[in-house]
Every structure is written in structure tokens, then in C-alpha cells.
Protein backbone atom coordinates (compact mmCIF):
# COMPACT_ATOMS: atom_id res chain seq x y z
CA UNK A 1 -109.45 -36.64 -22.30
CA UNK A 2 -106.61 -34.24 -21.40
CA UNK A 3 -105.20 -31.47 -23.58
CA UNK A 4 -101.73 -30.94 -24.96
CA UNK A 5 -100.06 -27.84 -26.37
CA UNK A 6 -96.59 -27.30 -27.77
CA UNK A 7 -94.62 -24.51 -29.39
CA UNK A 8 -91.19 -24.28 -31.01
CA UNK A 9 -89.46 -21.03 -31.90
CA UNK A 10 -90.94 -18.20 -29.82
CA UNK A 11 -89.25 -16.25 -27.00
CA UNK A 12 -92.50 -16.33 -25.02
CA UNK A 13 -93.06 -20.06 -25.44
CA UNK A 14 -94.17 -20.62 -21.84
CA UNK A 15 -96.64 -17.73 -21.80
CA UNK A 16 -98.14 -18.87 -25.08
CA UNK A 17 -98.40 -22.41 -23.71
CA UNK A 18 -100.27 -20.97 -20.72
CA UNK A 19 -102.75 -19.28 -23.07
CA UNK A 20 -103.13 -22.48 -25.05
CA UNK A 21 -103.83 -24.55 -21.94
CA UNK A 22 -106.28 -21.92 -20.71
CA UNK A 23 -108.28 -22.29 -23.93
CA UNK A 24 -108.17 -26.08 -23.53
CA UNK A 25 -109.13 -26.15 -19.83
CA UNK A 26 -112.42 -27.91 -20.66
CA UNK A 27 -110.45 -31.03 -21.56
CA UNK A 28 -109.08 -31.51 -18.04
CA UNK A 29 -109.42 -29.73 -14.71
CA UNK A 30 -107.42 -31.84 -12.26
CA UNK A 31 -104.05 -30.25 -12.84
CA UNK A 32 -101.70 -28.78 -15.42
CA UNK A 33 -98.05 -28.32 -16.21
CA UNK A 34 -95.62 -26.63 -18.57
CA UNK A 35 -92.02 -27.58 -19.29
CA UNK A 36 -89.82 -25.23 -21.32
CA UNK A 37 -86.20 -25.22 -22.38
CA UNK A 38 -83.57 -22.75 -23.54
CA UNK A 39 -81.67 -25.43 -25.40
CA UNK A 40 -79.98 -26.85 -22.32
CA UNK A 41 -81.95 -26.73 -19.08
CA UNK A 42 -85.55 -27.92 -18.56
CA UNK A 43 -87.74 -25.51 -16.58
CA UNK A 44 -90.73 -27.19 -14.96
CA UNK A 45 -93.92 -26.05 -13.24
CA UNK A 46 -96.75 -28.53 -12.49
CA UNK A 47 -99.54 -28.26 -9.97
CA UNK A 48 -103.03 -29.59 -9.21
CA UNK A 49 -105.92 -27.24 -9.95
CA UNK A 50 -107.03 -24.93 -12.74
CA UNK A 51 -104.64 -23.37 -15.25
CA UNK A 52 -105.46 -19.82 -14.14
CA UNK A 53 -104.69 -20.68 -10.51
CA UNK A 54 -101.50 -22.64 -11.21
CA UNK A 55 -99.64 -20.10 -13.34
CA UNK A 56 -98.87 -16.45 -12.69
CA UNK A 57 -96.50 -13.82 -14.01
CA UNK A 58 -93.77 -14.84 -11.58
CA UNK A 59 -93.62 -18.57 -12.29
CA UNK A 60 -94.13 -18.10 -16.04
CA UNK A 61 -91.06 -15.85 -16.17
CA UNK A 62 -89.04 -18.70 -14.70
CA UNK A 63 -90.07 -20.99 -17.57
CA UNK A 64 -87.37 -19.78 -19.94
CA UNK A 65 -86.67 -20.62 -23.53
CA UNK A 66 -88.07 -20.69 -27.05
CA UNK A 67 -89.67 -24.15 -26.80
CA UNK A 68 -92.31 -25.54 -24.43
CA UNK A 69 -94.95 -28.23 -24.04
CA UNK A 70 -97.97 -28.16 -21.74
CA UNK A 71 -100.72 -30.46 -20.52
CA UNK A 72 -104.02 -30.28 -18.65
CA UNK A 73 -104.91 -33.50 -16.83
CA UNK A 74 -108.14 -35.43 -16.77
CA UNK A 75 -107.33 -38.81 -15.30
CA UNK A 76 -108.26 -41.95 -17.23
CA UNK A 77 -105.44 -44.07 -15.79
CA UNK A 78 -103.73 -43.38 -12.48
CA UNK A 79 -105.10 -41.27 -9.67
CA UNK A 80 -105.31 -37.53 -9.23
CA UNK A 81 -101.86 -37.12 -7.65
CA UNK A 82 -99.01 -34.70 -8.23
CA UNK A 83 -96.78 -37.52 -9.53
CA UNK A 84 -99.26 -38.18 -12.35
CA UNK A 85 -99.30 -34.61 -13.61
CA UNK A 86 -97.81 -34.00 -17.02
CA UNK A 87 -95.69 -33.23 -18.91
CA UNK A 88 -93.58 -36.04 -17.46
CA UNK A 89 -89.85 -35.43 -17.22
CA UNK A 90 -87.10 -38.02 -16.83
CA UNK A 91 -83.38 -38.44 -17.34
CA UNK A 92 -82.14 -41.29 -19.50
CA UNK A 93 -79.05 -42.46 -21.30
CA UNK A 94 -80.30 -40.44 -24.26
CA UNK A 95 -80.53 -37.24 -22.23
CA UNK A 96 -83.56 -35.75 -20.53
CA UNK A 97 -86.98 -36.38 -22.03
CA UNK A 98 -90.28 -34.60 -21.44
CA UNK A 99 -93.55 -36.07 -22.64
CA UNK A 100 -97.17 -34.84 -22.84
CA UNK A 101 -99.81 -37.41 -23.80
CA UNK A 102 -103.49 -37.27 -24.67
CA UNK A 103 -105.09 -40.69 -24.95
CA UNK A 104 -104.97 -44.07 -23.26
CA UNK A 105 -102.84 -47.17 -23.83
CA UNK A 106 -104.96 -50.29 -23.61
CA UNK A 107 -101.97 -52.58 -22.91
CA UNK A 108 -100.32 -50.30 -20.32
CA UNK A 109 -100.95 -52.65 -17.39
CA UNK A 110 -99.30 -55.68 -18.99
CA UNK A 111 -96.38 -53.56 -20.21
CA UNK A 112 -95.91 -52.08 -16.74
CA UNK A 113 -95.70 -55.52 -15.15
CA UNK A 114 -93.20 -56.63 -17.76
CA UNK A 115 -91.05 -53.52 -17.32
CA UNK A 116 -91.09 -53.83 -13.53
CA UNK A 117 -89.85 -57.40 -13.82
CA UNK A 118 -86.97 -56.04 -15.89
CA UNK A 119 -86.11 -53.54 -13.15
CA UNK A 120 -87.92 -50.37 -14.21
CA UNK A 121 -88.95 -48.11 -11.33
CA UNK A 122 -92.12 -46.14 -12.02
CA UNK A 123 -92.56 -42.70 -10.47
CA UNK A 124 -96.24 -42.42 -11.39
CA UNK A 125 -99.23 -44.64 -12.04
CA UNK A 126 -100.26 -43.22 -15.40
CA UNK A 127 -99.76 -45.04 -18.67
CA UNK A 128 -97.65 -42.29 -20.24
CA UNK A 129 -94.61 -43.29 -18.22
CA UNK A 130 -94.66 -46.69 -19.93
CA UNK A 131 -93.55 -45.01 -23.16
CA UNK A 132 -90.53 -43.40 -21.47
CA UNK A 133 -89.40 -46.69 -19.90
CA UNK A 134 -89.79 -48.50 -23.21
CA UNK A 135 -87.65 -45.82 -24.83
CA UNK A 136 -84.98 -46.12 -22.15
CA UNK A 137 -84.82 -49.91 -22.58
CA UNK A 138 -84.95 -49.91 -26.38
CA UNK A 139 -81.18 -49.91 -26.84
CA UNK A 140 -81.58 -47.48 -29.75
CA UNK A 141 -78.90 -44.85 -30.34
CA UNK A 142 -81.15 -41.79 -30.65
CA UNK A 143 -84.44 -40.36 -29.38
CA UNK A 144 -86.45 -40.82 -32.56
CA UNK A 145 -85.58 -44.48 -33.08
CA UNK A 146 -86.14 -45.15 -29.36
CA UNK A 147 -89.59 -43.55 -29.58
CA UNK A 148 -90.50 -45.55 -32.69
CA UNK A 149 -89.39 -48.73 -30.92
CA UNK A 150 -91.50 -47.88 -27.86
CA UNK A 151 -94.61 -47.02 -29.87
CA UNK A 152 -94.36 -50.26 -31.82
CA UNK A 153 -95.05 -52.07 -28.52
CA UNK A 154 -98.01 -50.02 -27.28
CA UNK A 155 -101.64 -50.24 -28.34
CA UNK A 156 -104.35 -47.64 -28.04
CA UNK A 157 -104.69 -43.90 -28.33
CA UNK A 158 -101.85 -41.43 -28.16
CA UNK A 159 -101.33 -37.90 -29.36
CA UNK A 160 -97.84 -37.11 -28.08
CA UNK A 161 -95.54 -34.14 -27.70
CA UNK A 162 -92.00 -35.18 -26.81
CA UNK A 163 -89.37 -32.56 -26.03
CA UNK A 164 -85.64 -32.73 -25.46
CA UNK A 165 -83.21 -29.85 -25.04
CA UNK A 166 -82.73 -29.74 -28.83
CA UNK A 167 -85.99 -30.70 -30.52
CA UNK A 168 -89.69 -31.49 -30.36
CA UNK A 169 -91.14 -34.70 -31.75
CA UNK A 170 -94.88 -34.86 -32.38
CA UNK A 171 -96.69 -38.11 -33.11
CA UNK A 172 -100.26 -39.32 -33.43
CA UNK A 173 -101.30 -42.96 -33.22
CA UNK A 174 -102.04 -44.70 -36.53
CA UNK A 175 -105.80 -44.68 -35.95
CA UNK A 176 -105.92 -41.01 -34.95
CA UNK A 177 -108.19 -41.58 -31.97
CA UNK A 178 -107.50 -38.25 -30.25
CA UNK A 179 -107.28 -34.93 -32.09
CA UNK A 180 -104.01 -33.09 -32.74
CA UNK A 181 -103.48 -30.10 -35.01
CA UNK A 182 -100.61 -27.92 -36.22
CA UNK A 183 -100.40 -24.18 -36.80
CA UNK A 184 -98.07 -21.21 -37.25
CA UNK A 185 -97.59 -18.17 -35.05
CA UNK A 186 -95.16 -15.75 -36.64
CA UNK A 187 -91.96 -17.82 -37.00
CA UNK A 188 -93.03 -20.46 -34.49
CA UNK A 189 -94.74 -23.81 -35.10
CA UNK A 190 -97.52 -24.69 -32.66
CA UNK A 191 -99.45 -27.86 -31.84
CA UNK A 192 -102.67 -28.30 -29.88
CA UNK A 193 -105.53 -30.68 -29.16
CA UNK A 194 -108.06 -28.19 -30.56
CA UNK A 195 -108.06 -25.12 -32.79
CA UNK A 196 -109.60 -22.92 -30.08
CA UNK A 197 -106.10 -22.70 -28.57
CA UNK A 198 -104.84 -21.13 -31.80
CA UNK A 199 -107.70 -18.63 -31.97
CA UNK A 200 -106.85 -17.17 -28.57
CA UNK A 201 -103.28 -16.26 -29.56
CA UNK A 202 -103.86 -15.51 -33.23
CA UNK A 203 -102.05 -18.57 -34.60
CA UNK A 204 -102.93 -19.75 -38.10
CA UNK A 205 -104.35 -23.25 -38.46
CA UNK A 206 -102.33 -25.32 -40.92
CA UNK A 207 -103.64 -28.88 -40.76
CA UNK A 208 -104.22 -31.98 -38.65
CA UNK A 209 -101.27 -34.07 -37.65
CA UNK A 210 -102.17 -37.15 -39.67
CA UNK A 211 -102.83 -40.51 -38.03
CA UNK A 212 -99.50 -42.34 -37.79
CA UNK A 213 -97.48 -39.23 -38.62
CA UNK A 214 -94.28 -38.28 -36.77
CA UNK A 215 -93.00 -34.70 -37.01
CA UNK A 216 -89.59 -33.45 -35.87
CA UNK A 217 -88.69 -29.79 -35.38
CA UNK A 218 -85.28 -28.68 -34.16
CA UNK A 219 -85.13 -25.78 -31.71
CA UNK A 220 -82.52 -24.02 -33.83
CA UNK A 221 -84.56 -24.50 -37.03
CA UNK A 222 -88.21 -23.97 -36.05
CA UNK A 223 -89.08 -23.12 -39.67
CA UNK A 224 -87.99 -26.56 -40.91
CA UNK A 225 -90.21 -29.57 -40.32
CA UNK A 226 -89.38 -33.23 -40.94
CA UNK A 227 -92.41 -35.52 -41.38
CA UNK A 228 -92.65 -39.25 -41.95
CA UNK A 229 -94.86 -42.26 -41.16
CA UNK A 230 -92.76 -44.87 -39.32
CA UNK A 231 -95.61 -46.79 -37.68
CA UNK A 232 -97.68 -49.64 -39.08
CA UNK A 233 -100.66 -48.15 -40.97
CA UNK A 234 -104.15 -48.73 -39.55
CA UNK A 235 -107.65 -47.69 -40.60
CA UNK A 236 -108.46 -44.21 -39.25
CA UNK A 237 -110.73 -44.25 -36.19
CA UNK A 238 -111.19 -40.66 -35.03
CA UNK A 239 -113.25 -40.34 -31.84
CA UNK A 240 -116.82 -39.35 -32.71
CA UNK A 241 -117.59 -38.49 -29.08
CA UNK A 242 -115.42 -35.40 -29.52
CA UNK A 243 -118.22 -34.08 -31.76
CA UNK A 244 -120.90 -35.16 -29.31
CA UNK A 245 -119.49 -33.69 -26.11
CA UNK A 246 -115.83 -33.03 -25.46
CA UNK A 247 -114.54 -30.55 -28.01
CA UNK A 248 -115.34 -26.86 -27.56
CA UNK A 249 -118.05 -25.60 -29.94
CA UNK A 250 -115.74 -22.94 -31.40
CA UNK A 251 -113.13 -25.53 -32.40
CA UNK A 252 -112.75 -26.96 -35.88
CA UNK A 253 -112.31 -30.70 -35.60
CA UNK A 254 -111.71 -33.29 -38.33
CA UNK A 255 -112.30 -30.54 -40.87
CA UNK A 256 -115.65 -29.37 -39.47
CA UNK A 257 -116.79 -26.72 -36.99
CA UNK A 258 -118.00 -28.46 -33.82
CA UNK A 259 -120.92 -26.07 -33.21
CA UNK A 260 -122.27 -26.62 -36.73
CA UNK A 261 -121.91 -30.40 -36.43
CA UNK A 262 -123.85 -30.36 -33.14
CA UNK A 263 -126.64 -28.30 -34.68
CA UNK A 264 -126.75 -30.92 -37.44
CA UNK A 265 -127.13 -33.64 -34.81
CA UNK A 266 -130.14 -31.77 -33.46
CA UNK A 267 -131.72 -31.45 -36.88
CA UNK A 268 -131.22 -35.16 -37.54
CA UNK A 269 -132.67 -35.98 -34.12
CA UNK A 270 -135.80 -33.92 -34.89
CA UNK A 271 -136.27 -35.95 -38.07
CA UNK A 272 -135.85 -39.28 -36.26
CA UNK A 273 -137.76 -38.43 -33.06
CA UNK A 274 -140.14 -35.50 -33.56
CA UNK A 275 -142.21 -34.12 -30.70
CA UNK A 276 -145.53 -33.05 -32.22
CA UNK A 277 -147.54 -30.72 -30.03
CA UNK A 278 -144.56 -29.55 -27.96
CA UNK A 279 -144.51 -25.87 -27.03
CA UNK A 280 -140.82 -25.24 -26.49
CA UNK A 281 -137.35 -26.72 -27.00
CA UNK A 282 -134.86 -26.16 -24.19
CA UNK A 283 -131.27 -27.38 -23.88
CA UNK A 284 -129.41 -28.75 -20.92
CA UNK A 285 -126.61 -26.20 -20.95
CA UNK A 286 -123.97 -25.83 -22.04
CA UNK A 287 -123.26 -28.85 -24.22
CA UNK A 288 -126.91 -29.38 -25.20
CA UNK A 289 -127.35 -25.88 -26.66
CA UNK A 290 -126.27 -26.43 -30.28
CA UNK A 291 -128.32 -29.62 -30.58
CA UNK A 292 -131.39 -27.87 -29.18
CA UNK A 293 -130.95 -25.05 -31.70
CA UNK A 294 -130.83 -27.59 -34.51
CA UNK A 295 -133.86 -29.46 -33.16
CA UNK A 296 -135.79 -26.20 -32.92
CA UNK A 297 -134.84 -25.15 -36.45
CA UNK A 298 -135.87 -28.48 -37.96
CA UNK A 299 -139.10 -28.90 -35.94
CA UNK A 300 -140.10 -25.19 -35.96
CA UNK A 301 -140.77 -25.45 -32.22
CA UNK A 302 -139.56 -22.28 -30.42
CA UNK A 303 -136.21 -22.41 -28.64
CA UNK A 304 -135.60 -20.92 -25.21
CA UNK A 305 -133.12 -21.20 -22.36
CA UNK A 306 -135.48 -22.87 -19.92
CA UNK A 307 -132.69 -24.22 -17.75
CA UNK A 308 -129.99 -22.03 -16.24
CA UNK A 309 -126.58 -23.46 -15.43
CA UNK A 310 -124.29 -22.22 -12.69
CA UNK A 311 -120.81 -21.85 -14.20
CA UNK A 312 -119.20 -22.22 -10.81
CA UNK A 313 -119.86 -25.96 -10.62
CA UNK A 314 -117.66 -28.44 -12.50
CA UNK A 315 -118.94 -30.67 -15.28
CA UNK A 316 -121.33 -33.23 -13.77
CA UNK A 317 -120.06 -35.97 -16.09
CA UNK A 318 -116.53 -35.60 -14.79
CA UNK A 319 -117.32 -35.64 -11.06
CA UNK A 320 -115.87 -38.88 -9.65
CA UNK A 321 -118.32 -39.55 -6.82
CA UNK A 322 -121.96 -40.43 -7.26
CA UNK A 323 -122.90 -38.62 -4.05
CA UNK A 324 -121.44 -35.35 -5.34
CA UNK A 325 -123.05 -35.81 -8.73
CA UNK A 326 -126.55 -36.24 -7.30
CA UNK A 327 -126.24 -33.31 -4.92
CA UNK A 328 -124.77 -31.16 -7.65
CA UNK A 329 -127.83 -31.21 -9.92
CA UNK A 330 -129.70 -28.56 -7.94
CA UNK A 331 -126.55 -26.52 -7.54
CA UNK A 332 -125.75 -26.66 -11.23
CA UNK A 333 -129.02 -26.72 -13.19
CA UNK A 334 -132.21 -24.84 -12.34
CA UNK A 335 -135.41 -24.57 -14.43
CA UNK A 336 -136.88 -21.17 -15.26
CA UNK A 337 -140.47 -21.54 -14.01
CA UNK A 338 -141.83 -18.74 -16.19
CA UNK A 339 -140.41 -20.47 -19.26
CA UNK A 340 -141.76 -24.00 -18.69
CA UNK A 341 -144.88 -23.57 -16.55
CA UNK A 342 -147.89 -25.16 -18.24
CA UNK A 343 -145.95 -26.15 -21.35
CA UNK A 344 -145.03 -29.33 -23.14
CA UNK A 345 -141.24 -29.22 -23.10
CA UNK A 346 -138.61 -30.87 -25.31
CA UNK A 347 -135.33 -31.19 -23.39
CA UNK A 348 -132.22 -31.75 -25.52
CA UNK A 349 -128.95 -33.07 -24.14
CA UNK A 350 -125.81 -34.45 -25.74
CA UNK A 351 -125.71 -37.78 -23.93
CA UNK A 352 -127.35 -39.80 -21.19
CA UNK A 353 -124.77 -41.81 -19.26
CA UNK A 354 -126.06 -42.96 -15.87
CA UNK A 355 -129.45 -41.25 -16.06
CA UNK A 356 -129.42 -39.89 -12.50
CA UNK A 357 -128.92 -36.25 -13.55
CA UNK A 358 -131.71 -36.45 -16.13
CA UNK A 359 -134.05 -38.06 -13.61
CA UNK A 360 -133.58 -35.30 -11.06
CA UNK A 361 -133.74 -32.53 -13.66
CA UNK A 362 -137.02 -33.84 -15.08
CA UNK A 363 -138.40 -33.92 -11.56
CA UNK A 364 -137.39 -30.26 -11.11
CA UNK A 365 -139.03 -29.33 -14.44
CA UNK A 366 -142.30 -30.90 -13.34
CA UNK A 367 -142.06 -29.06 -10.01
CA UNK A 368 -141.64 -25.87 -12.06
CA UNK A 369 -144.94 -26.61 -13.82
CA UNK A 370 -143.96 -28.43 -17.02
CA UNK A 371 -147.04 -30.17 -18.44
CA UNK A 372 -144.97 -32.88 -20.15
CA UNK A 373 -141.28 -33.53 -20.71
CA UNK A 374 -139.88 -35.10 -23.87
CA UNK A 375 -136.21 -36.05 -23.56
CA UNK A 376 -134.09 -36.04 -26.71
CA UNK A 377 -130.43 -37.11 -26.87
CA UNK A 378 -128.16 -36.06 -29.76
CA UNK A 379 -126.24 -39.35 -29.60
CA UNK A 380 -127.02 -43.06 -29.47
CA UNK A 381 -127.30 -44.86 -26.12
CA UNK A 382 -123.90 -45.06 -24.39
CA UNK A 383 -123.63 -48.79 -23.77
CA UNK A 384 -119.90 -49.46 -23.55
CA UNK A 385 -116.93 -47.92 -21.69
CA UNK A 386 -114.20 -46.10 -23.59
CA UNK A 387 -110.62 -47.37 -23.32
CA UNK A 388 -109.02 -44.70 -25.50
CA UNK A 389 -108.89 -41.64 -23.27
CA UNK A 390 -112.40 -40.88 -21.98
CA UNK A 391 -113.20 -41.72 -18.38
CA UNK A 392 -116.61 -43.28 -18.96
CA UNK A 393 -118.00 -45.45 -16.16
CA UNK A 394 -117.81 -49.20 -16.13
CA UNK A 395 -120.40 -50.99 -18.24
CA UNK A 396 -122.60 -51.82 -15.23
CA UNK A 397 -122.86 -48.09 -14.42
CA UNK A 398 -124.02 -47.20 -17.95
CA UNK A 399 -127.78 -47.30 -17.80
CA UNK A 400 -128.18 -48.13 -21.50
CA UNK A 401 -125.99 -51.23 -21.19
CA UNK A 402 -128.64 -53.09 -19.26
CA UNK A 403 -131.93 -51.26 -19.86
CA UNK A 404 -134.03 -50.63 -22.95
CA UNK A 405 -135.01 -47.14 -24.07
CA UNK A 406 -138.47 -47.66 -22.59
CA UNK A 407 -137.01 -48.78 -19.26
CA UNK A 408 -134.73 -45.74 -19.21
CA UNK A 409 -137.68 -43.47 -20.04
CA UNK A 410 -139.54 -44.80 -17.03
CA UNK A 411 -136.45 -44.48 -14.82
CA UNK A 412 -135.83 -40.82 -15.66
CA UNK A 413 -139.55 -39.98 -15.62
CA UNK A 414 -139.86 -38.54 -19.14
CA UNK A 415 -143.07 -38.73 -21.17
CA UNK A 416 -141.04 -39.77 -24.22
CA UNK A 417 -137.37 -40.48 -24.84
CA UNK A 418 -135.55 -40.47 -28.18
CA UNK A 419 -131.90 -41.15 -28.97
CA UNK A 420 -130.17 -40.23 -32.22
CA UNK A 421 -129.34 -43.38 -34.17
CA UNK A 422 -125.73 -44.34 -34.85
CA UNK A 423 -126.38 -44.03 -38.58
CA UNK A 424 -127.87 -40.58 -37.97
CA UNK A 425 -124.89 -39.53 -35.86
CA UNK A 426 -122.46 -40.59 -38.58
CA UNK A 427 -124.51 -38.93 -41.32
CA UNK A 428 -124.80 -35.66 -39.40
CA UNK A 429 -121.07 -35.76 -38.70
CA UNK A 430 -120.52 -35.47 -42.45
CA UNK A 431 -118.99 -38.86 -43.05
CA UNK A 432 -120.40 -41.43 -45.43
CA UNK A 433 -118.00 -44.06 -44.08
CA UNK A 434 -118.53 -45.08 -40.47
CA UNK A 435 -115.15 -46.80 -40.47
CA UNK A 436 -113.48 -43.38 -40.28
CA UNK A 437 -114.82 -42.91 -36.75
CA UNK A 438 -114.40 -44.78 -33.50
CA UNK A 439 -117.88 -45.19 -31.99
CA UNK A 440 -117.10 -48.06 -29.62
CA UNK A 441 -118.86 -46.36 -26.68
CA UNK A 442 -122.10 -46.66 -28.66
CA UNK A 443 -121.57 -49.77 -30.78
CA UNK A 444 -119.11 -51.87 -28.78
CA UNK A 445 -116.98 -52.13 -31.94
CA UNK A 446 -113.50 -51.61 -30.44
CA UNK A 447 -110.80 -50.94 -33.05
CA UNK A 448 -108.12 -52.65 -30.92
CA UNK A 449 -107.96 -55.69 -28.71
CA UNK A 450 -108.66 -54.64 -25.11
CA UNK A 451 -105.93 -56.24 -23.01
């Protein structure tokens, strides 16, 4: 996933970047960084951990200047090491370059091998550095043409913020896989992965950075924007899983409020897989809450918070080790006995990836006295890994890739199990054209060749 934030034209650029990253912390918790400039010198602070622990008044004051970019890391390529933290910074014949990237390059491995044969020395193991090396070897006379040359060689997802001492260049891949938006804060121009970052600081949302668009803003003219489309056009393929899980509910994404879309998924799910005779609808918090509200509204089955989540445990889906994930269920999610005892319960969640969390949670619900448990998922079965910036497991770890819905139902121990259909997901996401979304994790229809 990851999050990026950038600002041009404000004397408190670093502090505002900190606020933006704080609002986007849900998109990556492994580490974060901010690089600012006063028009000459780059000022850098990157660390592993949470945004609120990494930055303080003292180190933010050292990040001088009116322009800054920031990044929160969630590793999809490369390990969780300090060298892989972004924004990346390197010297080149074109001057110093800093780069923050959300997405994943599907041909990064082959490009890395080719660049190493040519003599490039990589400081990290993430795919973002490939872009910098391609720029350095492009032979182009300026930053913009070098970036265009580099991006013409890569394939996959990239929302990029590139900063030099004089300007910021913003670019989104031609398919628009990962979100990127633009706004205004007083005289400054701001960019972020999600609109919730703007809300925190009072910035005004302007629009999405369009797929394939490149924007240039000079530090000495933050009110003047240059926009063009230098990359080969492709059919838009915005990630639909952002609606299902990743984006914050208070964000507006692809022109729609995420919370309202997720309620719509729940309403559609109730129409496709009703649960007649159920006594209560409960969500798996937090991401299952909007869908459960929608399911309750459409089915007229009462809604209640029958499962309580500890907010001091990280997202189960993101935990890298199966042993931690299994142990974490009891730590993270606990049924409310008085809410479920003796009742037929509909449990709504946003996705079912491996199935181990659902299996243990259903067991806990039965121990708490639930008479029956009907599992409902506000997305289709996740059958395929994502190669565009989401760290989904390999195909063999995805339970739906090898088991039918009935087999999964038996595995998790539910009385019934219902997934939202792909057509229903697209319809509830307010798009009549499924080609506008990337849904490869559900359909296996990858928009690019996977190298």
C-alpha cells in the first residue's frame, strides 16, 4: 500500500507533511520519512516505526524549507529495513533527487538485473530505486525528460512524488492503479494518497491527479502548475480493493465517499445473500462496520457491536507471520457474550483471505453462546495475489484459490457463508463499466503482463 504526501509553498511544509502522514498511517506502519528543502539543501528524517513516534518538535524544526514530501511504508517489495524507507534520496548528474512512491513495479526484478549488469549499485531492495537508476542512465539533459524516459521502461503501479531543490514533479501511472489527489492550502499546493490527509489540516480538495498525468510545480512559483500527459495512454484500472478495505472510511476516493460505498456493499450483499431468521448483524471491526450497517439497513435485522476490537494490536491482515496472526485473534477481537448469547448471528467482514482469523473468531462466538453464525463478506472471494502494491499472500495461501465456498464454510465453521459477487461489487461501487477498475485479486484479470 504505502502513503505519500507532498506540499509546495508553505513555510511549515515539514510539519504539514507530518500531519498528512499521521492521517495516512493506516496505509503503512513499518516506517516513515520526510524530506524537505529550502531551495538548496535537502533535510532528511526517516525511521522505522509509527509516524507519531518518529517525529517530534525537535526533528521537525530541522526539516527546513517551503517544500517537502513524505512517505509511510508498507513493504510489498524489499524487506522492512532502514535502507528501504522512503522518500529515497540520491545524488546524480542532474543534481539530487528525492522520490516517494506508492505502488509496485511488476518488472522491477528484470530491470534491476539489467541495471546491475550495467554497473548500477543499489542501496536498497525496493523497486522505487529502479526509477532513480533509470533516470540517471537515461542520458537526458533535465529531470523531467529523464523521468519520462525511466517511466517508459517500467510497468505496473506508481503514484510518485519527485522533489529536487527547485521543483516537485507529480505523476500517476497511465492506469491509475493507486490513488493520488491534489488540493490547496492557502497559497500552497498539496498532494496525498487520500483526502483524509487534507481534512486534518483544512486543505481544500481540488481533484484527482489523472491517470498518466504529470504535474510540475516550481518552488518559487507554487501558484503555477504545469500539467501534461507524456506517457502512453492506457485504459483506467483504479484499484477496487481500496473501496473494500484499504482506504479510510472518511476519505473520498474516485469521486465517492468510502464509508457510503462500503454501506452500499453491505446492502448489495443482503440482497444477494440474505439471512432469514437471523437475530442480529454484527461487524468484524473496524473495516467490517460500514458493510454491516448496510446489511442491517437492507435486511431490517438489528445491528449491534457484538465484537470488540483492541486498538492496540496491529491490523491482522498486515502481520507477516502466521504464528502471530493466529495468536493475535484473541488479543484483538473478543465477542460480547451478552450480545450474541442464544442468538442467530450474521457476521459481516470486508474480506476473507486465509480464513484462519474467521475460523477462530467463529469458534469464540459459539463459545460465547451464539446459536448459529452466518458469515457474510462484502467482496468476492480473494483468489489471486496482487502485484500492484498490496501485499496479499501467494496464491497457495489464499483459501479461495483452491477451495469452494462450501469447503471454506466448513473450514471456518460457519452455518452459512456468502460472498458479494464481482458484478455486485462493481455495481455498488457506482460504476457501470467494470473496465474502469482493477479487480485482479478477485478475477485474475491482470491489466499488465506479470514479469
